[in-house]
PDB file of all heavy atoms in Angstrom:
ATOM      1  N   TYR A   1       0.769  10.407   1.843  1.00  0.00           N
ATOM      2  CA  TYR A   1       0.137   9.689   0.741  1.00  0.00           C
ATOM      3  C   TYR A   1       1.179   8.862   0.000  1.00  0.00           C
ATOM      4  O   TYR A   1       2.391   9.081   0.142  1.00  0.00           O
ATOM      5  CB  TYR A   1      -0.578  10.650  -0.215  1.00  0.00           C
ATOM      6  CG  TYR A   1       0.323  11.539  -1.028  1.00  0.00           C
ATOM      7  CD1 TYR A   1       0.806  11.138  -2.265  1.00  0.00           C
ATOM      8  CD2 TYR A   1       0.708  12.804  -0.564  1.00  0.00           C
ATOM      9  CE1 TYR A   1       1.634  11.961  -3.022  1.00  0.00           C
ATOM     10  CE2 TYR A   1       1.532  13.628  -1.306  1.00  0.00           C
ATOM     11  CZ  TYR A   1       1.988  13.192  -2.536  1.00  0.00           C
ATOM     12  OH  TYR A   1       2.816  14.008  -3.276  1.00  0.00           O
ATOM     13  N   THR A   2       0.692   7.926  -0.797  1.00  0.00           N
ATOM     14  CA  THR A   2       1.564   7.007  -1.521  1.00  0.00           C
ATOM     15  C   THR A   2       1.592   7.326  -3.012  1.00  0.00           C
ATOM     16  O   THR A   2       0.664   7.906  -3.558  1.00  0.00           O
ATOM     17  CB  THR A   2       1.060   5.559  -1.389  1.00  0.00           C
ATOM     18  OG1 THR A   2      -0.274   5.498  -1.907  1.00  0.00           O
ATOM     19  CG2 THR A   2       1.073   5.076   0.031  1.00  0.00           C
ATOM     20  N   GLN A   3       2.671   6.914  -3.665  1.00  0.00           N
ATOM     21  CA  GLN A   3       2.735   6.795  -5.123  1.00  0.00           C
ATOM     22  C   GLN A   3       3.624   5.596  -5.404  1.00  0.00           C
ATOM     23  O   GLN A   3       4.847   5.682  -5.301  1.00  0.00           O
ATOM     24  CB  GLN A   3       3.279   8.066  -5.779  1.00  0.00           C
ATOM     25  CG  GLN A   3       3.504   7.952  -7.279  1.00  0.00           C
ATOM     26  CD  GLN A   3       2.263   7.502  -8.046  1.00  0.00           C
ATOM     27  OE1 GLN A   3       1.149   7.904  -7.722  1.00  0.00           O
ATOM     28  NE2 GLN A   3       2.455   6.656  -9.044  1.00  0.00           N
ATOM     29  N   CYS A   4       3.001   4.461  -5.749  1.00  0.00           N
ATOM     30  CA  CYS A   4       3.742   3.201  -5.852  1.00  0.00           C
ATOM     31  C   CYS A   4       4.186   2.850  -7.268  1.00  0.00           C
ATOM     32  O   CYS A   4       5.050   1.982  -7.435  1.00  0.00           O
ATOM     33  CB  CYS A   4       2.900   2.059  -5.283  1.00  0.00           C
ATOM     34  SG  CYS A   4       2.750   2.133  -3.484  1.00  0.00           S
ATOM     35  N   GLN A   5       3.607   3.461  -8.280  1.00  0.00           N
ATOM     36  CA  GLN A   5       4.076   3.188  -9.643  1.00  0.00           C
ATOM     37  C   GLN A   5       5.406   3.897  -9.869  1.00  0.00           C
ATOM     38  O   GLN A   5       5.555   5.035  -9.433  1.00  0.00           O
ATOM     39  CB  GLN A   5       3.043   3.684 -10.657  1.00  0.00           C
ATOM     40  CG  GLN A   5       3.277   3.165 -12.059  1.00  0.00           C
ATOM     41  CD  GLN A   5       2.222   3.651 -13.045  1.00  0.00           C
ATOM     42  OE1 GLN A   5       1.926   4.847 -13.094  1.00  0.00           O
ATOM     43  NE2 GLN A   5       1.667   2.746 -13.826  1.00  0.00           N
ATOM     44  N   SER A   6       6.418   3.272 -10.493  1.00  0.00           N
ATOM     45  CA  SER A   6       6.342   1.940 -11.066  1.00  0.00           C
ATOM     46  C   SER A   6       6.805   0.853 -10.068  1.00  0.00           C
ATOM     47  O   SER A   6       6.214  -0.231 -10.000  1.00  0.00           O
ATOM     48  CB  SER A   6       7.256   1.876 -12.302  1.00  0.00           C
ATOM     49  OG  SER A   6       6.818   2.721 -13.329  1.00  0.00           O
ATOM     50  N   ILE A   7       7.839   1.128  -9.290  1.00  0.00           N
ATOM     51  CA  ILE A   7       8.425   0.067  -8.452  1.00  0.00           C
ATOM     52  C   ILE A   7       8.676   0.583  -7.033  1.00  0.00           C
ATOM     53  O   ILE A   7       9.745   0.375  -6.463  1.00  0.00           O
ATOM     54  CB  ILE A   7       9.722  -0.491  -9.075  1.00  0.00           C
ATOM     55  CG1 ILE A   7      10.741   0.631  -9.381  1.00  0.00           C
ATOM     56  CG2 ILE A   7       9.415  -1.268 -10.333  1.00  0.00           C
ATOM     57  CD1 ILE A   7      12.123   0.093  -9.785  1.00  0.00           C
ATOM     58  N   HIS A   8       7.655   1.209  -6.457  1.00  0.00           N
ATOM     59  CA  HIS A   8       7.846   1.825  -5.140  1.00  0.00           C
ATOM     60  C   HIS A   8       7.031   1.177  -4.026  1.00  0.00           C
ATOM     61  O   HIS A   8       7.211   1.525  -2.857  1.00  0.00           O
ATOM     62  CB  HIS A   8       7.538   3.321  -5.215  1.00  0.00           C
ATOM     63  CG  HIS A   8       8.403   4.054  -6.182  1.00  0.00           C
ATOM     64  ND1 HIS A   8       9.706   4.378  -5.898  1.00  0.00           N
ATOM     65  CD2 HIS A   8       8.176   4.491  -7.446  1.00  0.00           C
ATOM     66  CE1 HIS A   8      10.253   5.006  -6.944  1.00  0.00           C
ATOM     67  NE2 HIS A   8       9.337   5.070  -7.903  1.00  0.00           N
ATOM     68  N   ALA A   9       6.141   0.218  -4.344  1.00  0.00           N
ATOM     69  CA  ALA A   9       5.405  -0.475  -3.279  1.00  0.00           C
ATOM     70  C   ALA A   9       6.379  -1.156  -2.326  1.00  0.00           C
ATOM     71  O   ALA A   9       6.141  -1.235  -1.116  1.00  0.00           O
ATOM     72  CB  ALA A   9       4.442  -1.502  -3.880  1.00  0.00           C
ATOM     73  N   ARG A  10       7.512  -1.608  -2.855  1.00  0.00           N
ATOM     74  CA  ARG A  10       8.526  -2.316  -2.054  1.00  0.00           C
ATOM     75  C   ARG A  10       9.120  -1.437  -0.956  1.00  0.00           C
ATOM     76  O   ARG A  10       9.787  -1.955  -0.043  1.00  0.00           O
ATOM     77  CB  ARG A  10       9.637  -2.829  -2.961  1.00  0.00           C
ATOM     78  CG  ARG A  10      10.460  -1.737  -3.634  1.00  0.00           C
ATOM     79  CD  ARG A  10      11.369  -2.254  -4.730  1.00  0.00           C
ATOM     80  NE  ARG A  10      10.606  -2.762  -5.872  1.00  0.00           N
ATOM     81  CZ  ARG A  10      11.157  -3.325  -6.948  1.00  0.00           C
ATOM     82  NH1 ARG A  10      12.486  -3.451  -7.034  1.00  0.00           N
ATOM     83  NH2 ARG A  10      10.405  -3.752  -7.934  1.00  0.00           N
ATOM     84  N   SER A  11       8.946  -0.138  -1.048  1.00  0.00           N
ATOM     85  CA  SER A  11       9.466   0.737   0.016  1.00  0.00           C
ATOM     86  C   SER A  11       8.447   0.948   1.126  1.00  0.00           C
ATOM     87  O   SER A  11       8.720   1.670   2.091  1.00  0.00           O
ATOM     88  CB  SER A  11       9.904   2.086  -0.572  1.00  0.00           C
ATOM     89  OG  SER A  11       8.791   2.854  -0.991  1.00  0.00           O
ATOM     90  N   ILE A  12       7.265   0.292   1.027  1.00  0.00           N
ATOM     91  CA  ILE A  12       6.261   0.336   2.101  1.00  0.00           C
ATOM     92  C   ILE A  12       6.194  -1.005   2.816  1.00  0.00           C
ATOM     93  O   ILE A  12       6.136  -1.072   4.040  1.00  0.00           O
ATOM     94  CB  ILE A  12       4.867   0.705   1.548  1.00  0.00           C
ATOM     95  CG1 ILE A  12       4.921   2.036   0.803  1.00  0.00           C
ATOM     96  CG2 ILE A  12       3.846   0.790   2.689  1.00  0.00           C
ATOM     97  CD1 ILE A  12       3.606   2.417   0.141  1.00  0.00           C
ATOM     98  N   PHE A  13       6.200  -2.096   2.036  1.00  0.00           N
ATOM     99  CA  PHE A  13       6.152  -3.432   2.629  1.00  0.00           C
ATOM    100  C   PHE A  13       6.837  -4.402   1.673  1.00  0.00           C
ATOM    101  O   PHE A  13       6.879  -4.167   0.458  1.00  0.00           O
ATOM    102  CB  PHE A  13       4.711  -3.871   2.908  1.00  0.00           C
ATOM    103  CG  PHE A  13       3.822  -3.857   1.692  1.00  0.00           C
ATOM    104  CD1 PHE A  13       3.625  -5.008   0.934  1.00  0.00           C
ATOM    105  CD2 PHE A  13       3.168  -2.697   1.301  1.00  0.00           C
ATOM    106  CE1 PHE A  13       2.807  -5.002  -0.181  1.00  0.00           C
ATOM    107  CE2 PHE A  13       2.347  -2.673   0.182  1.00  0.00           C
ATOM    108  CZ  PHE A  13       2.166  -3.829  -0.562  1.00  0.00           C
ATOM    109  N   PRO A  14       7.393  -5.526   2.172  1.00  0.00           N
ATOM    110  CA  PRO A  14       8.027  -6.503   1.282  1.00  0.00           C
ATOM    111  C   PRO A  14       6.977  -7.143   0.384  1.00  0.00           C
ATOM    112  O   PRO A  14       5.883  -7.505   0.841  1.00  0.00           O
ATOM    113  CB  PRO A  14       8.629  -7.527   2.249  1.00  0.00           C
ATOM    114  CG  PRO A  14       8.621  -6.865   3.593  1.00  0.00           C
ATOM    115  CD  PRO A  14       7.474  -5.909   3.581  1.00  0.00           C
ATOM    116  N   CYS A  15       7.286  -7.288  -0.895  1.00  0.00           N
ATOM    117  CA  CYS A  15       6.330  -7.881  -1.830  1.00  0.00           C
ATOM    118  C   CYS A  15       7.064  -8.300  -3.098  1.00  0.00           C
ATOM    119  O   CYS A  15       8.226  -7.939  -3.309  1.00  0.00           O
ATOM    120  CB  CYS A  15       5.209  -6.899  -2.183  1.00  0.00           C
ATOM    121  SG  CYS A  15       5.772  -5.353  -2.934  1.00  0.00           S
ATOM    122  N   GLN A  16       6.392  -9.057  -3.925  1.00  0.00           N
ATOM    123  CA  GLN A  16       6.886  -9.332  -5.269  1.00  0.00           C
ATOM    124  C   GLN A  16       6.410  -8.166  -6.128  1.00  0.00           C
ATOM    125  O   GLN A  16       5.305  -8.170  -6.672  1.00  0.00           O
ATOM    126  CB  GLN A  16       6.352 -10.686  -5.753  1.00  0.00           C
ATOM    127  CG  GLN A  16       6.944 -11.854  -4.967  1.00  0.00           C
ATOM    128  CD  GLN A  16       6.144 -13.139  -5.134  1.00  0.00           C
ATOM    129  OE1 GLN A  16       4.920 -13.124  -5.125  1.00  0.00           O
ATOM    130  NE2 GLN A  16       6.835 -14.264  -5.261  1.00  0.00           N
ATOM    131  N   ASP A  17       7.260  -7.157  -6.197  1.00  0.00           N
ATOM    132  CA  ASP A  17       6.846  -5.855  -6.733  1.00  0.00           C
ATOM    133  C   ASP A  17       6.972  -5.837  -8.254  1.00  0.00           C
ATOM    134  O   ASP A  17       7.790  -5.122  -8.830  1.00  0.00           O
ATOM    135  CB  ASP A  17       7.695  -4.741  -6.099  1.00  0.00           C
ATOM    136  CG  ASP A  17       7.090  -3.359  -6.308  1.00  0.00           C
ATOM    137  OD1 ASP A  17       5.973  -3.268  -6.849  1.00  0.00           O
ATOM    138  OD2 ASP A  17       7.745  -2.366  -5.925  1.00  0.00           O
ATOM    139  N   THR A  18       6.148  -6.637  -8.884  1.00  0.00           N
ATOM    140  CA  THR A  18       6.081  -6.708 -10.336  1.00  0.00           C
ATOM    141  C   THR A  18       4.619  -6.802 -10.733  1.00  0.00           C
ATOM    142  O   THR A  18       3.832  -7.492 -10.054  1.00  0.00           O
ATOM    143  CB  THR A  18       6.849  -7.925 -10.885  1.00  0.00           C
ATOM    144  OG1 THR A  18       6.493  -8.113 -12.273  1.00  0.00           O
ATOM    145  CG2 THR A  18       6.523  -9.201 -10.126  1.00  0.00           C
ATOM    146  N   PRO A  19       4.206  -6.157 -11.819  1.00  0.00           N
ATOM    147  CA  PRO A  19       2.804  -6.262 -12.232  1.00  0.00           C
ATOM    148  C   PRO A  19       2.416  -7.663 -12.689  1.00  0.00           C
ATOM    149  O   PRO A  19       1.232  -7.940 -12.868  1.00  0.00           O
ATOM    150  CB  PRO A  19       2.682  -5.245 -13.371  1.00  0.00           C
ATOM    151  CG  PRO A  19       4.077  -4.928 -13.795  1.00  0.00           C
ATOM    152  CD  PRO A  19       4.945  -5.166 -12.608  1.00  0.00           C
ATOM    153  N   ALA A  20       3.398  -8.549 -12.859  1.00  0.00           N
ATOM    154  CA  ALA A  20       3.080  -9.944 -13.173  1.00  0.00           C
ATOM    155  C   ALA A  20       2.438 -10.649 -11.987  1.00  0.00           C
ATOM    156  O   ALA A  20       1.783 -11.681 -12.152  1.00  0.00           O
ATOM    157  CB  ALA A  20       4.347 -10.685 -13.599  1.00  0.00           C
ATOM    158  N   ALA A  21       2.649 -10.119 -10.771  1.00  0.00           N
ATOM    159  CA  ALA A  21       2.142 -10.742  -9.544  1.00  0.00           C
ATOM    160  C   ALA A  21       0.909  -9.987  -9.054  1.00  0.00           C
ATOM    161  O   ALA A  21       1.022  -8.993  -8.336  1.00  0.00           O
ATOM    162  CB  ALA A  21       3.226 -10.753  -8.469  1.00  0.00           C
ATOM    163  N   ARG A  22      -0.254 -10.430  -9.450  1.00  0.00           N
ATOM    164  CA  ARG A  22      -1.499  -9.776  -9.038  1.00  0.00           C
ATOM    165  C   ARG A  22      -1.942 -10.356  -7.694  1.00  0.00           C
ATOM    166  O   ARG A  22      -1.938 -11.580  -7.502  1.00  0.00           O
ATOM    167  CB  ARG A  22      -2.578  -9.968 -10.088  1.00  0.00           C
ATOM    168  CG  ARG A  22      -2.184  -9.466 -11.482  1.00  0.00           C
ATOM    169  CD  ARG A  22      -3.300  -9.644 -12.469  1.00  0.00           C
ATOM    170  NE  ARG A  22      -4.378  -8.698 -12.213  1.00  0.00           N
ATOM    171  CZ  ARG A  22      -4.599  -7.591 -12.934  1.00  0.00           C
ATOM    172  NH1 ARG A  22      -3.797  -7.296 -13.959  1.00  0.00           N
ATOM    173  NH2 ARG A  22      -5.583  -6.785 -12.645  1.00  0.00           N
ATOM    174  N   VAL A  23      -2.340  -9.472  -6.769  1.00  0.00           N
ATOM    175  CA  VAL A  23      -2.694  -9.917  -5.419  1.00  0.00           C
ATOM    176  C   VAL A  23      -3.999  -9.258  -4.962  1.00  0.00           C
ATOM    177  O   VAL A  23      -4.340  -8.158  -5.379  1.00  0.00           O
ATOM    178  CB  VAL A  23      -1.587  -9.575  -4.393  1.00  0.00           C
ATOM    179  CG1 VAL A  23      -0.321 -10.364  -4.670  1.00  0.00           C
ATOM    180  CG2 VAL A  23      -1.299  -8.073  -4.350  1.00  0.00           C
ATOM    181  N   LYS A  24      -4.699  -9.979  -4.107  1.00  0.00           N
ATOM    182  CA  LYS A  24      -5.781  -9.387  -3.318  1.00  0.00           C
ATOM    183  C   LYS A  24      -5.170  -8.987  -1.972  1.00  0.00           C
ATOM    184  O   LYS A  24      -4.138  -9.523  -1.568  1.00  0.00           O
ATOM    185  CB  LYS A  24      -6.908 -10.389  -3.117  1.00  0.00           C
ATOM    186  CG  LYS A  24      -7.516 -10.903  -4.413  1.00  0.00           C
ATOM    187  CD  LYS A  24      -8.576 -11.964  -4.137  1.00  0.00           C
ATOM    188  CE  LYS A  24      -9.147 -12.514  -5.438  1.00  0.00           C
ATOM    189  NZ  LYS A  24     -10.187 -13.550  -5.198  1.00  0.00           N
ATOM    190  N   TYR A  25      -5.804  -8.036  -1.273  1.00  0.00           N
ATOM    191  CA  TYR A  25      -5.218  -7.657   0.017  1.00  0.00           C
ATOM    192  C   TYR A  25      -6.264  -7.150   0.999  1.00  0.00           C
ATOM    193  O   TYR A  25      -7.390  -6.786   0.624  1.00  0.00           O
ATOM    194  CB  TYR A  25      -4.101  -6.623  -0.162  1.00  0.00           C
ATOM    195  CG  TYR A  25      -4.518  -5.238  -0.583  1.00  0.00           C
ATOM    196  CD1 TYR A  25      -4.957  -4.294   0.357  1.00  0.00           C
ATOM    197  CD2 TYR A  25      -4.433  -4.836  -1.916  1.00  0.00           C
ATOM    198  CE1 TYR A  25      -5.318  -3.014  -0.033  1.00  0.00           C
ATOM    199  CE2 TYR A  25      -4.789  -3.555  -2.309  1.00  0.00           C
ATOM    200  CZ  TYR A  25      -5.232  -2.642  -1.361  1.00  0.00           C
ATOM    201  OH  TYR A  25      -5.585  -1.375  -1.747  1.00  0.00           O
ATOM    202  N   ALA A  26      -5.874  -7.162   2.262  1.00  0.00           N
ATOM    203  CA  ALA A  26      -6.637  -6.542   3.343  1.00  0.00           C
ATOM    204  C   ALA A  26      -5.665  -5.672   4.121  1.00  0.00           C
ATOM    205  O   ALA A  26      -4.474  -5.975   4.200  1.00  0.00           O
ATOM    206  CB  ALA A  26      -7.254  -7.608   4.246  1.00  0.00           C
ATOM    207  N   ALA A  27      -6.161  -4.565   4.679  1.00  0.00           N
ATOM    208  CA  ALA A  27      -5.259  -3.651   5.385  1.00  0.00           C
ATOM    209  C   ALA A  27      -5.953  -3.027   6.583  1.00  0.00           C
ATOM    210  O   ALA A  27      -7.126  -2.638   6.505  1.00  0.00           O
ATOM    211  CB  ALA A  27      -4.777  -2.556   4.431  1.00  0.00           C
ATOM    212  N   LYS A  28      -5.213  -2.972   7.689  1.00  0.00           N
ATOM    213  CA  LYS A  28      -5.653  -2.261   8.891  1.00  0.00           C
ATOM    214  C   LYS A  28      -4.675  -1.113   9.113  1.00  0.00           C
ATOM    215  O   LYS A  28      -3.484  -1.342   9.321  1.00  0.00           O
ATOM    216  CB  LYS A  28      -5.657  -3.194  10.096  1.00  0.00           C
ATOM    217  CG  LYS A  28      -6.606  -4.382   9.960  1.00  0.00           C
ATOM    218  CD  LYS A  28      -6.422  -5.369  11.100  1.00  0.00           C
ATOM    219  CE  LYS A  28      -7.293  -6.588  10.912  1.00  0.00           C
ATOM    220  NZ  LYS A  28      -7.062  -7.614  11.978  1.00  0.00           N
ATOM    221  N   LEU A  29      -5.173   0.110   9.062  1.00  0.00           N
ATOM    222  CA  LEU A  29      -4.348   1.311   9.209  1.00  0.00           C
ATOM    223  C   LEU A  29      -4.621   1.921  10.578  1.00  0.00           C
ATOM    224  O   LEU A  29      -5.733   2.388  10.847  1.00  0.00           O
ATOM    225  CB  LEU A  29      -4.663   2.333   8.109  1.00  0.00           C
ATOM    226  CG  LEU A  29      -4.040   2.100   6.716  1.00  0.00           C
ATOM    227  CD1 LEU A  29      -4.488   0.771   6.115  1.00  0.00           C
ATOM    228  CD2 LEU A  29      -4.402   3.240   5.777  1.00  0.00           C
ATOM    229  N   ASN A  30      -3.608   1.897  11.450  1.00  0.00           N
ATOM    230  CA  ASN A  30      -3.731   2.494  12.783  1.00  0.00           C
ATOM    231  C   ASN A  30      -3.179   3.915  12.705  1.00  0.00           C
ATOM    232  O   ASN A  30      -1.981   4.124  12.470  1.00  0.00           O
ATOM    233  CB  ASN A  30      -2.957   1.649  13.798  1.00  0.00           C
ATOM    234  CG  ASN A  30      -3.115   2.157  15.216  1.00  0.00           C
ATOM    235  OD1 ASN A  30      -2.689   3.257  15.545  1.00  0.00           O
ATOM    236  ND2 ASN A  30      -3.720   1.343  16.069  1.00  0.00           N
ATOM    237  N   ILE A  31      -4.064   4.909  12.904  1.00  0.00           N
ATOM    238  CA  ILE A  31      -3.718   6.314  12.659  1.00  0.00           C
ATOM    239  C   ILE A  31      -4.178   7.181  13.817  1.00  0.00           C
ATOM    240  O   ILE A  31      -5.013   6.760  14.634  1.00  0.00           O
ATOM    241  CB  ILE A  31      -4.365   6.814  11.342  1.00  0.00           C
ATOM    242  CG1 ILE A  31      -5.890   6.743  11.434  1.00  0.00           C
ATOM    243  CG2 ILE A  31      -3.856   5.998  10.153  1.00  0.00           C
ATOM    244  CD1 ILE A  31      -6.633   7.327  10.241  1.00  0.00           C
ATOM    245  N   PRO A  32      -3.674   8.414  13.932  1.00  0.00           N
ATOM    246  CA  PRO A  32      -4.190   9.340  14.949  1.00  0.00           C
ATOM    247  C   PRO A  32      -5.695   9.567  14.773  1.00  0.00           C
ATOM    248  O   PRO A  32      -6.191   9.686  13.646  1.00  0.00           O
ATOM    249  CB  PRO A  32      -3.396  10.618  14.686  1.00  0.00           C
ATOM    250  CG  PRO A  32      -2.128  10.160  14.049  1.00  0.00           C
ATOM    251  CD  PRO A  32      -2.519   8.989  13.197  1.00  0.00           C
ATOM    252  N   ARG A  33      -6.411   9.622  15.879  1.00  0.00           N
ATOM    253  CA  ARG A  33      -7.877   9.676  15.846  1.00  0.00           C
ATOM    254  C   ARG A  33      -8.407  10.909  15.115  1.00  0.00           C
ATOM    255  O   ARG A  33      -9.482  10.856  14.502  1.00  0.00           O
ATOM    256  CB  ARG A  33      -8.430   9.626  17.282  1.00  0.00           C
ATOM    257  CG  ARG A  33      -9.945   9.506  17.375  1.00  0.00           C
ATOM    258  CD  ARG A  33     -10.397   9.313  18.809  1.00  0.00           C
ATOM    259  NE  ARG A  33      -9.992   8.024  19.348  1.00  0.00           N
ATOM    260  CZ  ARG A  33     -10.694   6.890  19.204  1.00  0.00           C
ATOM    261  NH1 ARG A  33     -11.824   6.908  18.515  1.00  0.00           N
ATOM    262  NH2 ARG A  33     -10.264   5.766  19.738  1.00  0.00           N
ATOM    263  N   GLN A  34      -7.688  12.021  15.142  1.00  0.00           N
ATOM    264  CA  GLN A  34      -8.200  13.237  14.500  1.00  0.00           C
ATOM    265  C   GLN A  34      -8.085  13.198  12.984  1.00  0.00           C
ATOM    266  O   GLN A  34      -8.589  14.083  12.300  1.00  0.00           O
ATOM    267  CB  GLN A  34      -7.488  14.483  15.042  1.00  0.00           C
ATOM    268  CG  GLN A  34      -6.022  14.611  14.674  1.00  0.00           C
ATOM    269  CD  GLN A  34      -5.094  13.995  15.713  1.00  0.00           C
ATOM    270  OE1 GLN A  34      -5.464  13.006  16.367  1.00  0.00           O
ATOM    271  NE2 GLN A  34      -3.903  14.573  15.880  1.00  0.00           N
ATOM    272  N   LEU A  35      -7.419  12.147  12.457  1.00  0.00           N
ATOM    273  CA  LEU A  35      -7.254  12.019  11.013  1.00  0.00           C
ATOM    274  C   LEU A  35      -8.176  10.934  10.471  1.00  0.00           C
ATOM    275  O   LEU A  35      -8.790  10.184  11.228  1.00  0.00           O
ATOM    276  CB  LEU A  35      -5.798  11.680  10.674  1.00  0.00           C
ATOM    277  CG  LEU A  35      -4.737  12.642  11.202  1.00  0.00           C
ATOM    278  CD1 LEU A  35      -3.350  12.186  10.769  1.00  0.00           C
ATOM    279  CD2 LEU A  35      -5.009  14.066  10.746  1.00  0.00           C
ATOM    280  N   SER A  36      -8.265  10.853   9.164  1.00  0.00           N
ATOM    281  CA  SER A  36      -8.995   9.770   8.521  1.00  0.00           C
ATOM    282  C   SER A  36      -8.163   9.237   7.366  1.00  0.00           C
ATOM    283  O   SER A  36      -7.192   9.877   6.941  1.00  0.00           O
ATOM    284  CB  SER A  36     -10.373  10.227   8.036  1.00  0.00           C
ATOM    285  OG  SER A  36     -10.256  11.326   7.151  1.00  0.00           O
ATOM    286  N   ALA A  37      -8.544   8.068   6.867  1.00  0.00           N
ATOM    287  CA  ALA A  37      -7.781   7.407   5.811  1.00  0.00           C
ATOM    288  C   ALA A  37      -8.698   7.050   4.650  1.00  0.00           C
ATOM    289  O   ALA A  37      -9.880   6.746   4.837  1.00  0.00           O
ATOM    290  CB  ALA A  37      -7.108   6.146   6.349  1.00  0.00           C
ATOM    291  N   VAL A  38      -8.146   7.099   3.450  1.00  0.00           N
ATOM    292  CA  VAL A  38      -8.798   6.544   2.274  1.00  0.00           C
ATOM    293  C   VAL A  38      -7.811   5.587   1.628  1.00  0.00           C
ATOM    294  O   VAL A  38      -6.597   5.694   1.822  1.00  0.00           O
ATOM    295  CB  VAL A  38      -9.228   7.632   1.266  1.00  0.00           C
ATOM    296  CG1 VAL A  38     -10.327   8.498   1.840  1.00  0.00           C
ATOM    297  CG2 VAL A  38      -8.042   8.489   0.830  1.00  0.00           C
ATOM    298  N   MET A  39      -8.365   4.657   0.849  1.00  0.00           N
ATOM    299  CA  MET A  39      -7.506   3.637   0.261  1.00  0.00           C
ATOM    300  C   MET A  39      -8.114   3.184  -1.061  1.00  0.00           C
ATOM    301  O   MET A  39      -9.322   3.288  -1.279  1.00  0.00           O
ATOM    302  CB  MET A  39      -7.366   2.457   1.223  1.00  0.00           C
ATOM    303  CG  MET A  39      -6.137   1.616   1.002  1.00  0.00           C
ATOM    304  SD  MET A  39      -5.777   0.525   2.395  1.00  0.00           S
ATOM    305  CE  MET A  39      -4.140  -0.024   1.891  1.00  0.00           C
ATOM    306  N   ALA A  40      -7.260   2.667  -1.941  1.00  0.00           N
ATOM    307  CA  ALA A  40      -7.732   2.107  -3.208  1.00  0.00           C
ATOM    308  C   ALA A  40      -8.258   0.703  -2.935  1.00  0.00           C
ATOM    309  O   ALA A  40      -7.727  -0.298  -3.409  1.00  0.00           O
ATOM    310  CB  ALA A  40      -6.602   2.088  -4.234  1.00  0.00           C
TER     311      ALA A  40
END
């Protein structure tokens, strides 16, 4: 699981990791079939 506050999103993917930069996003998560994923 993730915890990105305050400045940890940058350790998952490159980004402008500041709350001044608001973004929309799409994500494809490739995972083992026996598991499932949830997302914000």
